[in-house]
Amino acid sequence: MTDYLDTAQGRRIAYVRTGGTGPGVVFLGGFMSDMTGTKAVFLQDWAERTGRAFLRFDYSGHGQSSGAFEEGAIGDWFEDALAVVEALTEGPQVLVGSSMGGWISLLLARAVPERVKALVGIAPAPDFTEDSMWAGFTDAQRAELMAAGRIVIPSDYSADGYPITRRLIEEGRGRLVLRSLLRLPFPVRVLQGTADTDVPPAVALRLMDHADCDDLRVTLVKGADHRFSTPACLAMIAAAVEEAGGR
C-alpha cells in the first residue's frame, strides 16, 4: 500500500514500506522513473521472501509524489531521499541506487555515512547533469537552455523526450561528487552493463578512482544495457545486496 510522507520542504513523498529485519534496503530510482519499475518491485519481492525490511519511494515530481518534474533538481531529490531515510528507516541501510539514484545514494553517503550499511550502484550516474548533459550539449542547445530556461532532449524511455531545465544543470553543480576524494566507509558494489549507452562503463571506473573505500568492487556484465532488468541481472542485484549488506 502506498503511504505519504510530508517533508520539511513542503513536498509530499509517496512510498511503499514493508517490514522485516535489518539492515533494511532502500531503493533509489533513476531520472524520470518511479517506484513501480522492474528493479524496485523485484527487490521488494525479494526482501519479502527473505524477511528483510524494504523501502521504495518516488522523488518529488516523479510517480505519485507531489510537484512537477521540471521544478525539481538533484538537491531536491537528495532532500527527499534524506527525509525518507531519516523518517522511515532505523539504523544503517543498504542503499540500492539505479542510475541517478546512484548519485543520490552517494550524496546520502556523504551526508549521513552512519546511516549506510552498504551501497549497491546499478549503472550509477554521479554528476551526469554536468558530465553527460551539459558536456554533450551543442552550442545551440546551451544557448537555448540559458535563454529559455529549458530544452527537450530525445530519450529512449519517453516519446516526449526529457525536459532539461537551466536550474537542473546549475543546481547540480553544487552536488558533484567526482571532483574530489569521496569517502565511502562501507562495502560498495557497482553493477554495470557493457552495452549501456546511457551511462557508459567509464563512469563506474571514474567512481572507483575517486572513492576512498576499502571494499569496493565493480562488476561489468557483458551485453547488459542500462535497464539491467533481465532475470540474470535482477538476480545479480539481489546477490550484491545480500553479499555487501549482510544481516
C-alpha atoms as a PDB file:
ATOM      1  CA  MET A   1       0.000   0.000   0.000  1.00  0.00           C
ATOM      2  CA  THR A   2       1.244   3.466  -0.866  1.00  0.00           C
ATOM      3  CA  ASP A   3       1.723   5.905   2.021  1.00  0.00           C
ATOM      4  CA  TYR A   4       2.884   9.519   2.034  1.00  0.00           C
ATOM      5  CA  LEU A   5       5.488  11.496   3.941  1.00  0.00           C
ATOM      6  CA  ASP A   6       5.295  15.293   4.206  1.00  0.00           C
ATOM      7  CA  THR A   7       8.798  16.741   4.240  1.00  0.00           C
ATOM      8  CA  ALA A   8      10.178  19.865   5.849  1.00  0.00           C
ATOM      9  CA  GLN A   9      10.453  21.401   2.375  1.00  0.00           C
ATOM     10  CA  GLY A  10       6.691  21.076   1.880  1.00  0.00           C
ATOM     11  CA  ARG A  11       6.815  18.149  -0.512  1.00  0.00           C
ATOM     12  CA  ARG A  12       4.601  15.064  -0.271  1.00  0.00           C
ATOM     13  CA  ILE A  13       6.583  11.903  -0.962  1.00  0.00           C
ATOM     14  CA  ALA A  14       4.857   8.644  -1.920  1.00  0.00           C
ATOM     15  CA  TYR A  15       6.425   5.481  -0.572  1.00  0.00           C
ATOM     16  CA  VAL A  16       5.874   1.776  -0.024  1.00  0.00           C
ATOM     17  CA  ARG A  17       7.447   0.202   3.033  1.00  0.00           C
ATOM     18  CA  THR A  18       7.479  -3.438   4.032  1.00  0.00           C
ATOM     19  CA  GLY A  19       8.523  -4.720   7.425  1.00  0.00           C
ATOM     20  CA  GLY A  20      11.320  -7.111   8.201  1.00  0.00           C
ATOM     21  CA  THR A  21      14.666  -7.413   9.885  1.00  0.00           C
ATOM     22  CA  GLY A  22      17.655  -5.196   9.269  1.00  0.00           C
ATOM     23  CA  PRO A  23      19.719  -3.910   7.827  1.00  0.00           C
ATOM     24  CA  GLY A  24      16.897  -2.590   5.674  1.00  0.00           C
ATOM     25  CA  VAL A  25      17.134  -1.981   1.952  1.00  0.00           C
ATOM     26  CA  VAL A  26      16.231   1.355   0.332  1.00  0.00           C
ATOM     27  CA  PHE A  27      15.778   1.549  -3.441  1.00  0.00           C
ATOM     28  CA  LEU A  28      16.547   4.877  -5.130  1.00  0.00           C
ATOM     29  CA  GLY A  29      15.305   5.127  -8.687  1.00  0.00           C
ATOM     30  CA  GLY A  30      16.533   6.952 -11.727  1.00  0.00           C
ATOM     31  CA  PHE A  31      15.828  10.165 -13.604  1.00  0.00           C
ATOM     32  CA  MET A  32      12.126  10.423 -14.550  1.00  0.00           C
ATOM     33  CA  SER A  33      11.489   6.896 -13.273  1.00  0.00           C
ATOM     34  CA  ASP A  34       9.228   5.830 -10.427  1.00  0.00           C
ATOM     35  CA  MET A  35       8.993   3.204  -7.721  1.00  0.00           C
ATOM     36  CA  THR A  36       6.876   0.827  -9.832  1.00  0.00           C
ATOM     37  CA  GLY A  37       9.810  -0.111 -12.067  1.00  0.00           C
ATOM     38  CA  THR A  38      11.015  -3.665 -12.552  1.00  0.00           C
ATOM     39  CA  LYS A  39      14.056  -3.429 -10.268  1.00  0.00           C
ATOM     40  CA  ALA A  40      12.169  -1.762  -7.401  1.00  0.00           C
ATOM     41  CA  VAL A  41       9.332  -4.278  -7.441  1.00  0.00           C
ATOM     42  CA  PHE A  42      11.722  -7.219  -7.815  1.00  0.00           C
ATOM     43  CA  LEU A  43      13.713  -6.088  -4.793  1.00  0.00           C
ATOM     44  CA  GLN A  44      10.580  -5.689  -2.721  1.00  0.00           C
ATOM     45  CA  ASP A  45       9.509  -9.232  -3.604  1.00  0.00           C
ATOM     46  CA  TRP A  46      12.992 -10.489  -2.751  1.00  0.00           C
ATOM     47  CA  ALA A  47      13.000  -8.612   0.558  1.00  0.00           C
ATOM     48  CA  GLU A  48       9.620 -10.041   1.500  1.00  0.00           C
ATOM     49  CA  ARG A  49      10.769 -13.580   0.703  1.00  0.00           C
ATOM     50  CA  THR A  50      13.911 -13.166   2.797  1.00  0.00           C
ATOM     51  CA  GLY A  51      12.255 -11.293   5.674  1.00  0.00           C
ATOM     52  CA  ARG A  52      14.140  -8.069   5.125  1.00  0.00           C
ATOM     53  CA  ALA A  53      12.842  -4.536   5.698  1.00  0.00           C
ATOM     54  CA  PHE A  54      12.446  -2.640   2.415  1.00  0.00           C
ATOM     55  CA  LEU A  55      11.548   0.871   1.263  1.00  0.00           C
ATOM     56  CA  ARG A  56      10.914   2.302  -2.198  1.00  0.00           C
ATOM     57  CA  PHE A  57       9.678   5.825  -2.929  1.00  0.00           C
ATOM     58  CA  ASP A  58       9.081   8.458  -5.592  1.00  0.00           C
ATOM     59  CA  TYR A  59      11.110  11.649  -5.643  1.00  0.00           C
ATOM     60  CA  SER A  60       9.073  14.834  -5.872  1.00  0.00           C
ATOM     61  CA  GLY A  61       7.878  15.382  -9.431  1.00  0.00           C
ATOM     62  CA  HIS A  62       8.064  11.641 -10.035  1.00  0.00           C
ATOM     63  CA  GLY A  63       5.379   8.976  -9.872  1.00  0.00           C
ATOM     64  CA  GLN A  64       2.810   9.568  -7.153  1.00  0.00           C
ATOM     65  CA  SER A  65       4.706  12.250  -5.248  1.00  0.00           C
ATOM     66  CA  SER A  66       3.783  15.935  -5.306  1.00  0.00           C
ATOM     67  CA  GLY A  67       5.273  18.551  -7.591  1.00  0.00           C
ATOM     68  CA  ALA A  68       6.126  18.924 -11.251  1.00  0.00           C
ATOM     69  CA  PHE A  69       9.184  17.168 -12.643  1.00  0.00           C
ATOM     70  CA  GLU A  70      10.508  20.313 -14.307  1.00  0.00           C
ATOM     71  CA  GLU A  71      10.559  22.158 -10.995  1.00  0.00           C
ATOM     72  CA  GLY A  72      12.979  19.648  -9.470  1.00  0.00           C
ATOM     73  CA  ALA A  73      16.742  19.318  -9.307  1.00  0.00           C
ATOM     74  CA  ILE A  74      19.317  16.957  -7.837  1.00  0.00           C
ATOM     75  CA  GLY A  75      19.355  18.747  -4.493  1.00  0.00           C
ATOM     76  CA  ASP A  76      15.576  18.497  -4.143  1.00  0.00           C
ATOM     77  CA  TRP A  77      15.628  14.775  -4.841  1.00  0.00           C
ATOM     78  CA  PHE A  78      18.512  14.301  -2.397  1.00  0.00           C
ATOM     79  CA  GLU A  79      16.438  16.113   0.252  1.00  0.00           C
ATOM     80  CA  ASP A  80      13.522  13.784  -0.500  1.00  0.00           C
ATOM     81  CA  ALA A  81      15.746  10.735  -0.112  1.00  0.00           C
ATOM     82  CA  LEU A  82      17.271  12.013   3.118  1.00  0.00           C
ATOM     83  CA  ALA A  83      13.809  12.723   4.533  1.00  0.00           C
ATOM     84  CA  VAL A  84      12.515   9.207   3.850  1.00  0.00           C
ATOM     85  CA  VAL A  85      15.655   7.520   5.168  1.00  0.00           C
ATOM     86  CA  GLU A  86      15.600   9.557   8.377  1.00  0.00           C
ATOM     87  CA  ALA A  87      11.844   9.315   8.964  1.00  0.00           C
ATOM     88  CA  LEU A  88      11.035   5.820   7.730  1.00  0.00           C
ATOM     89  CA  THR A  89      14.055   3.619   8.493  1.00  0.00           C
ATOM     90  CA  GLU A  90      16.026   2.645  11.570  1.00  0.00           C
ATOM     91  CA  GLY A  91      19.740   2.040  11.740  1.00  0.00           C
ATOM     92  CA  PRO A  92      22.162   1.605   8.842  1.00  0.00           C
ATOM     93  CA  GLN A  93      20.546   0.789   5.489  1.00  0.00           C
ATOM     94  CA  VAL A  94      21.676  -0.862   2.284  1.00  0.00           C
ATOM     95  CA  LEU A  95      21.205   1.792  -0.395  1.00  0.00           C
ATOM     96  CA  VAL A  96      20.471   0.481  -3.873  1.00  0.00           C
ATOM     97  CA  GLY A  97      20.802   3.325  -6.362  1.00  0.00           C
ATOM     98  CA  SER A  98      19.880   2.921 -10.011  1.00  0.00           C
ATOM     99  CA  SER A  99      21.347   5.437 -12.485  1.00  0.00           C
ATOM    100  CA  MET A 100      20.566   8.872 -10.972  1.00  0.00           C
ATOM    101  CA  GLY A 101      19.729   7.003  -7.778  1.00  0.00           C
ATOM    102  CA  GLY A 102      23.403   6.048  -7.622  1.00  0.00           C
ATOM    103  CA  TRP A 103      24.292   9.751  -7.443  1.00  0.00           C
ATOM    104  CA  ILE A 104      21.624  10.351  -4.791  1.00  0.00           C
ATOM    105  CA  SER A 105      22.989   7.379  -2.818  1.00  0.00           C
ATOM    106  CA  LEU A 106      26.472   8.883  -2.879  1.00  0.00           C
ATOM    107  CA  LEU A 107      25.104  12.214  -1.646  1.00  0.00           C
ATOM    108  CA  LEU A 108      23.405  10.361   1.221  1.00  0.00           C
ATOM    109  CA  ALA A 109      26.637   8.556   1.975  1.00  0.00           C
ATOM    110  CA  ARG A 110      28.454  11.878   2.172  1.00  0.00           C
ATOM    111  CA  ALA A 111      25.778  13.487   4.360  1.00  0.00           C
ATOM    112  CA  VAL A 112      24.895  10.641   6.754  1.00  0.00           C
ATOM    113  CA  PRO A 113      27.521   7.888   6.439  1.00  0.00           C
ATOM    114  CA  GLU A 114      26.432   6.435   9.765  1.00  0.00           C
ATOM    115  CA  ARG A 115      23.079   5.520   8.190  1.00  0.00           C
ATOM    116  CA  VAL A 116      24.677   3.490   5.381  1.00  0.00           C
ATOM    117  CA  LYS A 117      25.482  -0.194   5.864  1.00  0.00           C
ATOM    118  CA  ALA A 118      26.427  -0.764   2.219  1.00  0.00           C
ATOM    119  CA  LEU A 119      25.849   0.765  -1.200  1.00  0.00           C
ATOM    120  CA  VAL A 120      24.901  -1.052  -4.383  1.00  0.00           C
ATOM    121  CA  GLY A 121      25.008   1.027  -7.554  1.00  0.00           C
ATOM    122  CA  ILE A 122      23.261  -0.161 -10.710  1.00  0.00           C
ATOM    123  CA  ALA A 123      24.850   1.770 -13.584  1.00  0.00           C
ATOM    124  CA  PRO A 124      25.302   4.693 -11.180  1.00  0.00           C
ATOM    125  CA  ALA A 125      25.320   8.115 -12.822  1.00  0.00           C
ATOM    126  CA  PRO A 126      27.052  10.578 -10.497  1.00  0.00           C
ATOM    127  CA  ASP A 127      27.474  14.109 -11.881  1.00  0.00           C
ATOM    128  CA  PHE A 128      25.511  13.289 -15.050  1.00  0.00           C
ATOM    129  CA  THR A 129      23.922  16.738 -15.348  1.00  0.00           C
ATOM    130  CA  GLU A 130      27.382  18.203 -15.862  1.00  0.00           C
ATOM    131  CA  ASP A 131      29.448  15.420 -17.409  1.00  0.00           C
ATOM    132  CA  SER A 132      26.825  13.879 -19.684  1.00  0.00           C
ATOM    133  CA  MET A 133      24.152  16.506 -20.317  1.00  0.00           C
ATOM    134  CA  TRP A 134      25.952  19.858 -20.265  1.00  0.00           C
ATOM    135  CA  ALA A 135      29.172  18.447 -21.698  1.00  0.00           C
ATOM    136  CA  GLY A 136      27.209  16.784 -24.508  1.00  0.00           C
ATOM    137  CA  PHE A 137      25.069  19.764 -25.496  1.00  0.00           C
ATOM    138  CA  THR A 138      25.796  21.670 -28.673  1.00  0.00           C
ATOM    139  CA  ASP A 139      26.491  25.399 -28.520  1.00  0.00           C
ATOM    140  CA  ALA A 140      22.953  25.978 -29.805  1.00  0.00           C
ATOM    141  CA  GLN A 141      21.436  23.796 -27.076  1.00  0.00           C
ATOM    142  CA  ARG A 142      23.423  25.573 -24.386  1.00  0.00           C
ATOM    143  CA  ALA A 143      22.349  28.951 -25.707  1.00  0.00           C
ATOM    144  CA  GLU A 144      18.689  27.911 -25.825  1.00  0.00           C
ATOM    145  CA  LEU A 145      18.859  26.460 -22.322  1.00  0.00           C
ATOM    146  CA  MET A 146      20.354  29.646 -20.876  1.00  0.00           C
ATOM    147  CA  ALA A 147      17.942  31.930 -22.716  1.00  0.00           C
ATOM    148  CA  ALA A 148      14.687  29.976 -22.468  1.00  0.00           C
ATOM    149  CA  GLY A 149      15.385  28.129 -19.226  1.00  0.00           C
ATOM    150  CA  ARG A 150      14.669  24.691 -20.689  1.00  0.00           C
ATOM    151  CA  ILE A 151      15.235  22.397 -23.632  1.00  0.00           C
ATOM    152  CA  VAL A 152      13.881  18.959 -24.516  1.00  0.00           C
ATOM    153  CA  ILE A 153      16.292  16.178 -25.400  1.00  0.00           C
ATOM    154  CA  PRO A 154      15.403  12.826 -27.025  1.00  0.00           C
ATOM    155  CA  SER A 155      15.012   9.766 -24.827  1.00  0.00           C
ATOM    156  CA  ASP A 156      14.683   6.043 -25.446  1.00  0.00           C
ATOM    157  CA  TYR A 157      12.357   5.891 -22.431  1.00  0.00           C
ATOM    158  CA  SER A 158       9.874   8.680 -23.245  1.00  0.00           C
ATOM    159  CA  ALA A 159       8.275   9.549 -26.568  1.00  0.00           C
ATOM    160  CA  ASP A 160       8.078  13.182 -25.459  1.00  0.00           C
ATOM    161  CA  GLY A 161      11.768  13.330 -24.569  1.00  0.00           C
ATOM    162  CA  TYR A 162      13.314  14.661 -21.367  1.00  0.00           C
ATOM    163  CA  PRO A 163      12.735  18.295 -20.394  1.00  0.00           C
ATOM    164  CA  ILE A 164      16.017  19.683 -19.084  1.00  0.00           C
ATOM    165  CA  THR A 165      15.936  22.935 -17.165  1.00  0.00           C
ATOM    166  CA  ARG A 166      18.604  25.528 -16.546  1.00  0.00           C
ATOM    167  CA  ARG A 167      18.023  25.035 -12.830  1.00  0.00           C
ATOM    168  CA  LEU A 168      18.705  21.286 -13.101  1.00  0.00           C
ATOM    169  CA  ILE A 169      22.105  21.993 -14.644  1.00  0.00           C
ATOM    170  CA  GLU A 170      23.091  24.911 -12.417  1.00  0.00           C
ATOM    171  CA  GLU A 171      21.873  23.397  -9.142  1.00  0.00           C
ATOM    172  CA  GLY A 172      23.601  20.129  -9.972  1.00  0.00           C
ATOM    173  CA  ARG A 173      26.978  21.876 -10.000  1.00  0.00           C
ATOM    174  CA  GLY A 174      26.729  22.222  -6.242  1.00  0.00           C
ATOM    175  CA  ARG A 175      26.115  18.468  -5.841  1.00  0.00           C
ATOM    176  CA  LEU A 176      29.023  16.980  -7.797  1.00  0.00           C
ATOM    177  CA  VAL A 177      30.801  14.072  -6.128  1.00  0.00           C
ATOM    178  CA  LEU A 178      33.540  13.128  -8.605  1.00  0.00           C
ATOM    179  CA  ARG A 179      35.641  16.268  -8.219  1.00  0.00           C
ATOM    180  CA  SER A 180      37.386  15.230  -5.022  1.00  0.00           C
ATOM    181  CA  LEU A 181      38.044  12.181  -2.894  1.00  0.00           C
ATOM    182  CA  LEU A 182      34.793  10.517  -1.860  1.00  0.00           C
ATOM    183  CA  ARG A 183      34.973   8.710   1.475  1.00  0.00           C
ATOM    184  CA  LEU A 184      32.826   5.555   1.473  1.00  0.00           C
ATOM    185  CA  PRO A 185      33.462   3.712   4.770  1.00  0.00           C
ATOM    186  CA  PHE A 186      31.331   0.654   3.956  1.00  0.00           C
ATOM    187  CA  PRO A 187      31.105  -2.044   1.261  1.00  0.00           C
ATOM    188  CA  VAL A 188      30.290  -0.733  -2.227  1.00  0.00           C
ATOM    189  CA  ARG A 189      29.213  -2.890  -5.159  1.00  0.00           C
ATOM    190  CA  VAL A 190      28.766  -1.444  -8.646  1.00  0.00           C
ATOM    191  CA  LEU A 191      26.963  -3.407 -11.363  1.00  0.00           C
ATOM    192  CA  GLN A 192      27.479  -2.100 -14.874  1.00  0.00           C
ATOM    193  CA  GLY A 193      26.454  -3.334 -18.306  1.00  0.00           C
ATOM    194  CA  THR A 194      28.946  -3.104 -21.149  1.00  0.00           C
ATOM    195  CA  ALA A 195      26.140  -2.299 -23.636  1.00  0.00           C
ATOM    196  CA  ASP A 196      24.869   0.656 -21.572  1.00  0.00           C
ATOM    197  CA  THR A 197      24.697   3.646 -23.924  1.00  0.00           C
ATOM    198  CA  ASP A 198      23.164   5.998 -21.315  1.00  0.00           C
ATOM    199  CA  VAL A 199      25.782   5.583 -18.610  1.00  0.00           C
ATOM    200  CA  PRO A 200      28.921   4.003 -20.098  1.00  0.00           C
ATOM    201  CA  PRO A 201      31.256   1.780 -18.079  1.00  0.00           C
ATOM    202  CA  ALA A 202      33.798   4.618 -17.893  1.00  0.00           C
ATOM    203  CA  VAL A 203      31.578   6.306 -15.289  1.00  0.00           C
ATOM    204  CA  ALA A 204      31.835   3.305 -12.951  1.00  0.00           C
ATOM    205  CA  LEU A 205      35.611   3.353 -13.346  1.00  0.00           C
ATOM    206  CA  ARG A 206      35.713   7.089 -12.545  1.00  0.00           C
ATOM    207  CA  LEU A 207      33.742   6.385  -9.400  1.00  0.00           C
ATOM    208  CA  MET A 208      36.248   3.707  -8.436  1.00  0.00           C
ATOM    209  CA  ASP A 209      39.114   6.166  -8.953  1.00  0.00           C
ATOM    210  CA  HIS A 210      37.514   8.849  -6.743  1.00  0.00           C
ATOM    211  CA  ALA A 211      36.304   6.564  -3.961  1.00  0.00           C
ATOM    212  CA  ASP A 212      38.226   6.143  -0.737  1.00  0.00           C
ATOM    213  CA  CYS A 213      36.819   2.715   0.068  1.00  0.00           C
ATOM    214  CA  ASP A 214      38.437  -0.427   1.458  1.00  0.00           C
ATOM    215  CA  ASP A 215      35.793  -2.748  -0.031  1.00  0.00           C
ATOM    216  CA  LEU A 216      34.674  -1.635  -3.492  1.00  0.00           C
ATOM    217  CA  ARG A 217      34.049  -3.916  -6.451  1.00  0.00           C
ATOM    218  CA  VAL A 218      32.868  -3.093  -9.955  1.00  0.00           C
ATOM    219  CA  THR A 219      31.242  -5.917 -11.912  1.00  0.00           C
ATOM    220  CA  LEU A 220      30.991  -5.498 -15.673  1.00  0.00           C
ATOM    221  CA  VAL A 221      28.247  -7.541 -17.309  1.00  0.00           C
ATOM    222  CA  LYS A 222      28.850  -8.174 -20.998  1.00  0.00           C
ATOM    223  CA  GLY A 223      25.884  -7.217 -23.160  1.00  0.00           C
ATOM    224  CA  ALA A 224      23.719  -5.759 -20.378  1.00  0.00           C
ATOM    225  CA  ASP A 225      22.066  -2.433 -21.178  1.00  0.00           C
ATOM    226  CA  HIS A 226      21.022   0.470 -18.950  1.00  0.00           C
ATOM    227  CA  ARG A 227      17.789  -1.163 -17.855  1.00  0.00           C
ATOM    228  CA  PHE A 228      19.734  -4.011 -16.205  1.00  0.00           C
ATOM    229  CA  SER A 229      16.438  -5.845 -15.733  1.00  0.00           C
ATOM    230  CA  THR A 230      16.841  -9.290 -17.258  1.00  0.00           C
ATOM    231  CA  PRO A 231      16.301 -12.208 -14.841  1.00  0.00           C
ATOM    232  CA  ALA A 232      20.059 -12.733 -14.658  1.00  0.00           C
ATOM    233  CA  CYS A 233      20.711  -9.046 -13.928  1.00  0.00           C
ATOM    234  CA  LEU A 234      18.000  -8.918 -11.265  1.00  0.00           C
ATOM    235  CA  ALA A 235      19.496 -11.968  -9.584  1.00  0.00           C
ATOM    236  CA  MET A 236      22.877 -10.214  -9.550  1.00  0.00           C
ATOM    237  CA  ILE A 237      21.338  -7.188  -7.815  1.00  0.00           C
ATOM    238  CA  ALA A 238      19.831  -9.334  -5.055  1.00  0.00           C
ATOM    239  CA  ALA A 239      23.118 -11.212  -4.632  1.00  0.00           C
ATOM    240  CA  ALA A 240      25.053  -7.942  -4.351  1.00  0.00           C
ATOM    241  CA  VAL A 241      22.659  -6.620  -1.715  1.00  0.00           C
ATOM    242  CA  GLU A 242      22.937  -9.803   0.314  1.00  0.00           C
ATOM    243  CA  GLU A 243      26.702 -10.102  -0.009  1.00  0.00           C
ATOM    244  CA  ALA A 244      27.519  -6.452   0.747  1.00  0.00           C
ATOM    245  CA  GLY A 245      24.771  -5.745   3.246  1.00  0.00           C
ATOM    246  CA  GLY A 246      24.951  -8.862   5.378  1.00  0.00           C
ATOM    247  CA  ARG A 247      22.326  -9.476   8.050  1.00  0.00           C
END
